[in-house]
């Protein structure tokens, strides 16, 4: 038996990896901006830093899709997972005021299926193109014995750019009376799926929710990207004091990350309609409100902190935005 056959017998198919690369090349190249100087297949991605602001800062973040990928695998719906990882990472650096420059991906499985890998990367490429971000490079790994049969993991790293003068949050500018504007999520995004998969295990995933959306579609809806919303505020001259990406930990853990110790967020939970998918998941799981609002985003994916006199203008620029609360002094805050 030849060397290549020995490796295949151990569970690793080099040709499958090469075929996956072949299938995704066109999608990846479509994301290349003029700053990209190396083609697909280079040992490292090359990105020229041009048009730098006066005080440039690079902002980097890495994350994974988590166990949402397991639900996608069970239903053979891969492309949305690519959108998930890119948009999640874009939102994370957006919270510091950065625009994305380039993205790097990592896909690992017990056994690579080239068509599935290509679908994920195509989704990544679509999401990257939508925000002007280059998909600069990536890695696929076949790891039998490390990953269980049929499993897959998707992660990514993003690098963005911001002028030091535009860096968010601006805690010294925050004060009691500032308002919290919530931007709707597209669903659970990429959080809470270990619980979600447990509570839906024996349920009909095609059952319609109250808004008519099939349960599976609501659960696999790609993570919403908020870059265009922030650009709209910037174009309108609306100063943002802070952004909180509502991911794992919900409001309880994510809002305090951007606030100075002198203020706290007071959220009015009655100010928006919780989408049907969250109401259903909460009922099936038996969670109380406190736990639900810490596990899920409950329909709000990004929170914007602005001065009170800008609220009406902000809502006119972002028609789906909702006033969900305000900042109060540290000794006054109570969640409602």
Foldseek 3Di string as FASTA:
>chain_A
DDPQVVVVVVQDHVVLVVLLCVLQQVLQVVLDDPQWDDGPPDPFTGGHDPPADPAKDKDKDKDWLPCLVVLCLVVVNQQLRLLLQQQVRQQVVVQFVWQWAEKEKEKEELHRRSVNSNSSSSSVSVNSNVRSYHHGYYYYYHRRPVHDPSDMIMMMMIMTMDHPVRTDAQQVPDDFQWFKKFDWWLAQRRFDVVLVCVLCVPPDQQDAFPVRHRNSCRSSRHTDHCPVLVVLCVVVVFDWNGKWFQHAQAPNPTVVVRHDLFKDWAFDPVQDDQDRSLVVSCVSSVDDPVVSRGGGNRTTGMMTTGHPVCVVVSCVSVVRMTGTTTMDTNVPHDYD
